[in-house]
Amino acid sequence: MDSTSNSMRPSSSSSSSSSSSSSNSKWRYDVFLSFRGEDTRDSFTSHLYSALDRGIIKTFRDDKELRKGGEIAPELLKAIEESRIAILVFSKTYAHSKWCLLECQEEKGRKVFPIFYHVEPSEVRKQTGIYGEAFNNHESNADEEKKKKIEKWRTALWKVGNLSGFPLQDGGQKTLRGYF
């Protein structure tokens, strides 16, 4: 992400076109927010979502947007496809979630902004530490088809881990104020 405070904010013309009608654009959302709920839903991610919402940035967050009773996978994949930007909040148990890893893998063609929340970017990139443990867990008793999926997840994390992002430790939310 560049260092200007408006880098996430769509221009007034793109903002009006993205929010006025999805028929004019393939973008239904400005941002797809990927995070592990048990780690950050009621803390960091909630604050980030509120900041984006105050900035009039249409953001997909699963508990706000998924239809109750609807199938999760197709709706998630459609939301990712219809989002211009992905913000991935890498937290301690992000890699334990198959859904999070799927979301990370599906970020093809979108601008991606990683946030490393209480994890080191190198742990995500190299799948060491808690990320290595998560992958060891995924790989135990995996058949060939699952091993192929896991390899795609590893590649996706390596790619995103190589992006310049926001490493946030305690109190790190304050450093994002200029961006969101």
C-alpha atoms as a PDB file:
ATOM      1  CA  MET A   1       0.000   0.000   0.000  1.00  0.00           C
ATOM      2  CA  ASP A   2       1.339   3.423  -0.734  1.00  0.00           C
ATOM      3  CA  SER A   3       1.743   5.927   2.043  1.00  0.00           C
ATOM      4  CA  THR A   4      -0.945   8.395   1.016  1.00  0.00           C
ATOM      5  CA  SER A   5      -3.939   8.603   3.274  1.00  0.00           C
ATOM      6  CA  ASN A   6      -6.374   8.245   0.390  1.00  0.00           C
ATOM      7  CA  SER A   7      -4.846   5.107  -1.092  1.00  0.00           C
ATOM      8  CA  MET A   8      -7.793   2.927  -0.076  1.00  0.00           C
ATOM      9  CA  ARG A   9     -10.430   5.528  -0.804  1.00  0.00           C
ATOM     10  CA  PRO A  10     -11.967   5.203  -4.272  1.00  0.00           C
ATOM     11  CA  SER A  11     -12.135   8.339  -6.371  1.00  0.00           C
ATOM     12  CA  SER A  12     -15.461  10.118  -6.323  1.00  0.00           C
ATOM     13  CA  SER A  13     -16.330   8.849  -9.796  1.00  0.00           C
ATOM     14  CA  SER A  14     -15.443   5.223  -9.007  1.00  0.00           C
ATOM     15  CA  SER A  15     -17.135   5.468  -5.624  1.00  0.00           C
ATOM     16  CA  SER A  16     -20.415   6.566  -7.123  1.00  0.00           C
ATOM     17  CA  SER A  17     -20.239   3.979  -9.884  1.00  0.00           C
ATOM     18  CA  SER A  18     -19.347   1.128  -7.530  1.00  0.00           C
ATOM     19  CA  SER A  19     -22.061   1.926  -5.044  1.00  0.00           C
ATOM     20  CA  SER A  20     -24.805   3.019  -7.444  1.00  0.00           C
ATOM     21  CA  SER A  21     -25.212  -0.143  -9.459  1.00  0.00           C
ATOM     22  CA  SER A  22     -23.403  -3.392  -9.919  1.00  0.00           C
ATOM     23  CA  SER A  23     -24.682  -3.497 -13.507  1.00  0.00           C
ATOM     24  CA  ASN A  24     -22.327  -0.623 -14.402  1.00  0.00           C
ATOM     25  CA  SER A  25     -19.328  -2.422 -12.935  1.00  0.00           C
ATOM     26  CA  LYS A  26     -18.277  -5.895 -11.961  1.00  0.00           C
ATOM     27  CA  TRP A  27     -17.366  -4.542  -8.502  1.00  0.00           C
ATOM     28  CA  ARG A  28     -20.084  -4.938  -5.908  1.00  0.00           C
ATOM     29  CA  TYR A  29     -17.661  -4.286  -3.040  1.00  0.00           C
ATOM     30  CA  ASP A  30     -14.698  -1.985  -2.730  1.00  0.00           C
ATOM     31  CA  VAL A  31     -13.075  -4.294  -0.168  1.00  0.00           C
ATOM     32  CA  PHE A  32     -13.242  -7.965   0.757  1.00  0.00           C
ATOM     33  CA  LEU A  33     -12.144  -8.363   4.368  1.00  0.00           C
ATOM     34  CA  SER A  34     -10.536 -11.750   5.095  1.00  0.00           C
ATOM     35  CA  PHE A  35      -9.848 -12.593   8.742  1.00  0.00           C
ATOM     36  CA  ARG A  36     -10.081 -15.347  11.340  1.00  0.00           C
ATOM     37  CA  GLY A  37     -13.167 -14.516  13.364  1.00  0.00           C
ATOM     38  CA  GLU A  38     -12.090 -16.031  16.656  1.00  0.00           C
ATOM     39  CA  ASP A  39      -8.881 -13.952  16.592  1.00  0.00           C
ATOM     40  CA  THR A  40     -10.044 -10.521  15.493  1.00  0.00           C
ATOM     41  CA  ARG A  41     -13.803 -10.292  14.769  1.00  0.00           C
ATOM     42  CA  ASP A  42     -14.682  -8.449  17.976  1.00  0.00           C
ATOM     43  CA  SER A  43     -11.498  -6.410  18.180  1.00  0.00           C
ATOM     44  CA  PHE A  44      -9.207  -5.243  15.388  1.00  0.00           C
ATOM     45  CA  THR A  45     -11.365  -6.340  12.433  1.00  0.00           C
ATOM     46  CA  SER A  46     -14.449  -4.743  13.941  1.00  0.00           C
ATOM     47  CA  HIS A  47     -12.600  -1.422  14.273  1.00  0.00           C
ATOM     48  CA  LEU A  48     -11.196  -1.706  10.738  1.00  0.00           C
ATOM     49  CA  TYR A  49     -14.633  -2.490   9.303  1.00  0.00           C
ATOM     50  CA  SER A  50     -16.135   0.516  11.106  1.00  0.00           C
ATOM     51  CA  ALA A  51     -13.391   2.802   9.793  1.00  0.00           C
ATOM     52  CA  LEU A  52     -13.920   1.596   6.237  1.00  0.00           C
ATOM     53  CA  ASP A  53     -17.677   1.997   6.604  1.00  0.00           C
ATOM     54  CA  ARG A  54     -17.275   5.550   7.917  1.00  0.00           C
ATOM     55  CA  GLY A  55     -15.144   6.260   4.855  1.00  0.00           C
ATOM     56  CA  ILE A  56     -18.039   5.092   2.676  1.00  0.00           C
ATOM     57  CA  ILE A  57     -16.082   2.116   1.462  1.00  0.00           C
ATOM     58  CA  LYS A  58     -18.414  -0.795   0.660  1.00  0.00           C
ATOM     59  CA  THR A  59     -16.847  -3.711   2.505  1.00  0.00           C
ATOM     60  CA  PHE A  60     -17.735  -7.395   2.528  1.00  0.00           C
ATOM     61  CA  ARG A  61     -17.522  -8.956   5.976  1.00  0.00           C
ATOM     62  CA  ASP A  62     -18.990 -12.430   6.347  1.00  0.00           C
ATOM     63  CA  ASP A  63     -21.192 -11.843   9.400  1.00  0.00           C
ATOM     64  CA  LYS A  64     -22.644  -8.675   7.842  1.00  0.00           C
ATOM     65  CA  GLU A  65     -23.140  -9.867   4.265  1.00  0.00           C
ATOM     66  CA  LEU A  66     -23.747 -13.633   4.133  1.00  0.00           C
ATOM     67  CA  ARG A  67     -27.402 -14.556   3.888  1.00  0.00           C
ATOM     68  CA  LYS A  68     -28.592 -16.654   6.791  1.00  0.00           C
ATOM     69  CA  GLY A  69     -29.404 -20.123   5.497  1.00  0.00           C
ATOM     70  CA  GLY A  70     -27.408 -19.593   2.303  1.00  0.00           C
ATOM     71  CA  GLU A  71     -24.504 -21.755   1.171  1.00  0.00           C
ATOM     72  CA  ILE A  72     -21.266 -20.218   2.395  1.00  0.00           C
ATOM     73  CA  ALA A  73     -18.759 -21.286  -0.286  1.00  0.00           C
ATOM     74  CA  PRO A  74     -20.563 -19.941  -3.381  1.00  0.00           C
ATOM     75  CA  GLU A  75     -21.453 -16.667  -1.644  1.00  0.00           C
ATOM     76  CA  LEU A  76     -17.884 -16.145  -0.407  1.00  0.00           C
ATOM     77  CA  LEU A  77     -16.364 -16.873  -3.801  1.00  0.00           C
ATOM     78  CA  LYS A  78     -18.832 -14.519  -5.484  1.00  0.00           C
ATOM     79  CA  ALA A  79     -18.048 -11.746  -2.974  1.00  0.00           C
ATOM     80  CA  ILE A  80     -14.318 -12.171  -3.590  1.00  0.00           C
ATOM     81  CA  GLU A  81     -14.879 -12.028  -7.333  1.00  0.00           C
ATOM     82  CA  GLU A  82     -16.970  -8.859  -6.960  1.00  0.00           C
ATOM     83  CA  SER A  83     -14.416  -7.019  -4.773  1.00  0.00           C
ATOM     84  CA  ARG A  84     -11.804  -4.597  -6.108  1.00  0.00           C
ATOM     85  CA  ILE A  85      -9.466  -4.915  -3.122  1.00  0.00           C
ATOM     86  CA  ALA A  86      -8.711  -7.592  -0.547  1.00  0.00           C
ATOM     87  CA  ILE A  87      -7.517  -6.846   2.962  1.00  0.00           C
ATOM     88  CA  LEU A  88      -6.116  -9.984   4.555  1.00  0.00           C
ATOM     89  CA  VAL A  89      -5.756  -9.829   8.335  1.00  0.00           C
ATOM     90  CA  PHE A  90      -3.167 -12.499   9.131  1.00  0.00           C
ATOM     91  CA  SER A  91      -3.554 -13.415  12.785  1.00  0.00           C
ATOM     92  CA  LYS A  92      -2.333 -16.263  14.976  1.00  0.00           C
ATOM     93  CA  THR A  93      -4.873 -18.862  13.799  1.00  0.00           C
ATOM     94  CA  TYR A  94      -5.602 -17.556  10.274  1.00  0.00           C
ATOM     95  CA  ALA A  95      -3.786 -20.509   8.669  1.00  0.00           C
ATOM     96  CA  HIS A  96      -5.782 -23.009  10.736  1.00  0.00           C
ATOM     97  CA  SER A  97      -8.903 -22.013   8.822  1.00  0.00           C
ATOM     98  CA  LYS A  98      -9.510 -23.689   5.473  1.00  0.00           C
ATOM     99  CA  TRP A  99     -11.925 -20.856   4.633  1.00  0.00           C
ATOM    100  CA  CYS A 100      -9.268 -18.194   5.252  1.00  0.00           C
ATOM    101  CA  LEU A 101      -6.745 -20.096   3.161  1.00  0.00           C
ATOM    102  CA  LEU A 102      -9.293 -20.430   0.360  1.00  0.00           C
ATOM    103  CA  GLU A 103      -9.979 -16.681   0.528  1.00  0.00           C
ATOM    104  CA  CYS A 104      -6.260 -15.927   0.426  1.00  0.00           C
ATOM    105  CA  GLN A 105      -5.804 -18.206  -2.582  1.00  0.00           C
ATOM    106  CA  GLU A 106      -8.704 -16.613  -4.462  1.00  0.00           C
ATOM    107  CA  GLU A 107      -7.268 -13.092  -4.473  1.00  0.00           C
ATOM    108  CA  LYS A 108      -6.147 -13.347  -8.111  1.00  0.00           C
ATOM    109  CA  GLY A 109      -6.220 -10.061  -9.966  1.00  0.00           C
ATOM    110  CA  ARG A 110      -7.160  -7.952  -6.969  1.00  0.00           C
ATOM    111  CA  LYS A 111      -5.088  -5.384  -5.151  1.00  0.00           C
ATOM    112  CA  VAL A 112      -4.125  -7.083  -1.889  1.00  0.00           C
ATOM    113  CA  PHE A 113      -3.190  -5.358   1.355  1.00  0.00           C
ATOM    114  CA  PRO A 114      -1.880  -7.722   4.040  1.00  0.00           C
ATOM    115  CA  ILE A 115      -2.071  -6.866   7.716  1.00  0.00           C
ATOM    116  CA  PHE A 116       0.146  -8.994   9.936  1.00  0.00           C
ATOM    117  CA  TYR A 117      -1.715  -8.886  13.237  1.00  0.00           C
ATOM    118  CA  HIS A 118       0.479 -10.258  16.020  1.00  0.00           C
ATOM    119  CA  VAL A 119       2.382 -12.427  13.526  1.00  0.00           C
ATOM    120  CA  GLU A 120       5.605 -11.806  11.653  1.00  0.00           C
ATOM    121  CA  PRO A 121       5.380 -11.483   7.858  1.00  0.00           C
ATOM    122  CA  SER A 122       8.141 -14.103   7.547  1.00  0.00           C
ATOM    123  CA  GLU A 123       5.950 -16.648   9.416  1.00  0.00           C
ATOM    124  CA  VAL A 124       3.262 -16.173   6.776  1.00  0.00           C
ATOM    125  CA  ARG A 125       5.697 -16.166   3.842  1.00  0.00           C
ATOM    126  CA  LYS A 126       7.750 -19.184   4.987  1.00  0.00           C
ATOM    127  CA  GLN A 127       4.976 -20.964   6.920  1.00  0.00           C
ATOM    128  CA  THR A 128       7.081 -21.262  10.050  1.00  0.00           C
ATOM    129  CA  GLY A 129       6.095 -20.962  13.708  1.00  0.00           C
ATOM    130  CA  ILE A 130       2.343 -21.046  14.209  1.00  0.00           C
ATOM    131  CA  TYR A 131       1.790 -21.043  10.440  1.00  0.00           C
ATOM    132  CA  GLY A 132       4.063 -24.062  10.073  1.00  0.00           C
ATOM    133  CA  GLU A 133       2.108 -25.850  12.802  1.00  0.00           C
ATOM    134  CA  ALA A 134      -1.159 -25.110  10.999  1.00  0.00           C
ATOM    135  CA  PHE A 135       0.172 -26.546   7.744  1.00  0.00           C
ATOM    136  CA  ASN A 136       1.529 -29.628   9.517  1.00  0.00           C
ATOM    137  CA  ASN A 137      -1.972 -30.122  10.894  1.00  0.00           C
ATOM    138  CA  HIS A 138      -3.568 -29.705   7.430  1.00  0.00           C
ATOM    139  CA  GLU A 139      -1.074 -32.154   5.904  1.00  0.00           C
ATOM    140  CA  SER A 140      -1.512 -34.904   8.473  1.00  0.00           C
ATOM    141  CA  ASN A 141      -3.597 -37.645   6.854  1.00  0.00           C
ATOM    142  CA  ALA A 142      -4.135 -35.577   3.677  1.00  0.00           C
ATOM    143  CA  ASP A 143      -4.845 -37.489   0.485  1.00  0.00           C
ATOM    144  CA  GLU A 144      -3.315 -36.463  -2.859  1.00  0.00           C
ATOM    145  CA  GLU A 145      -6.173 -34.109  -3.761  1.00  0.00           C
ATOM    146  CA  LYS A 146      -5.927 -32.302  -0.430  1.00  0.00           C
ATOM    147  CA  LYS A 147      -2.119 -32.095  -0.743  1.00  0.00           C
ATOM    148  CA  LYS A 148      -2.589 -30.242  -4.047  1.00  0.00           C
ATOM    149  CA  LYS A 149      -4.919 -27.763  -2.315  1.00  0.00           C
ATOM    150  CA  ILE A 150      -2.433 -27.311   0.499  1.00  0.00           C
ATOM    151  CA  GLU A 151       0.334 -26.567  -1.979  1.00  0.00           C
ATOM    152  CA  LYS A 152      -1.847 -23.858  -3.560  1.00  0.00           C
ATOM    153  CA  TRP A 153      -2.465 -22.398  -0.091  1.00  0.00           C
ATOM    154  CA  ARG A 154       1.278 -22.405   0.605  1.00  0.00           C
ATOM    155  CA  THR A 155       1.985 -20.611  -2.674  1.00  0.00           C
ATOM    156  CA  ALA A 156      -0.735 -18.031  -1.990  1.00  0.00           C
ATOM    157  CA  LEU A 157       0.655 -17.307   1.487  1.00  0.00           C
ATOM    158  CA  TRP A 158       4.186 -17.046   0.120  1.00  0.00           C
ATOM    159  CA  LYS A 159       3.032 -14.506  -2.485  1.00  0.00           C
ATOM    160  CA  VAL A 160       1.035 -12.407  -0.027  1.00  0.00           C
ATOM    161  CA  GLY A 161       3.768 -12.681   2.591  1.00  0.00           C
ATOM    162  CA  ASN A 162       6.140 -11.084   0.089  1.00  0.00           C
ATOM    163  CA  LEU A 163       3.935  -8.004  -0.272  1.00  0.00           C
ATOM    164  CA  SER A 164       4.665  -4.897   1.705  1.00  0.00           C
ATOM    165  CA  GLY A 165       2.030  -4.825   4.409  1.00  0.00           C
ATOM    166  CA  PHE A 166       1.271  -3.618   7.879  1.00  0.00           C
ATOM    167  CA  PRO A 167       2.914  -5.509  10.731  1.00  0.00           C
ATOM    168  CA  LEU A 168       0.793  -4.693  13.797  1.00  0.00           C
ATOM    169  CA  GLN A 169       1.608  -5.649  17.335  1.00  0.00           C
ATOM    170  CA  ASP A 170      -0.081  -4.290  20.486  1.00  0.00           C
ATOM    171  CA  GLY A 171      -1.648  -0.907  19.850  1.00  0.00           C
ATOM    172  CA  GLY A 172      -0.912  -1.128  16.134  1.00  0.00           C
ATOM    173  CA  GLN A 173      -4.391   0.028  15.153  1.00  0.00           C
ATOM    174  CA  LYS A 174      -3.231   3.607  15.709  1.00  0.00           C
ATOM    175  CA  THR A 175      -0.740   3.297  12.848  1.00  0.00           C
ATOM    176  CA  LEU A 176      -3.549   2.536  10.384  1.00  0.00           C
ATOM    177  CA  ARG A 177      -5.555   5.685  11.121  1.00  0.00           C
ATOM    178  CA  GLY A 178      -3.957   7.565   8.243  1.00  0.00           C
ATOM    179  CA  TYR A 179      -4.951   4.853   5.782  1.00  0.00           C
ATOM    180  CA  PHE A 180      -8.506   3.921   6.754  1.00  0.00           C
END
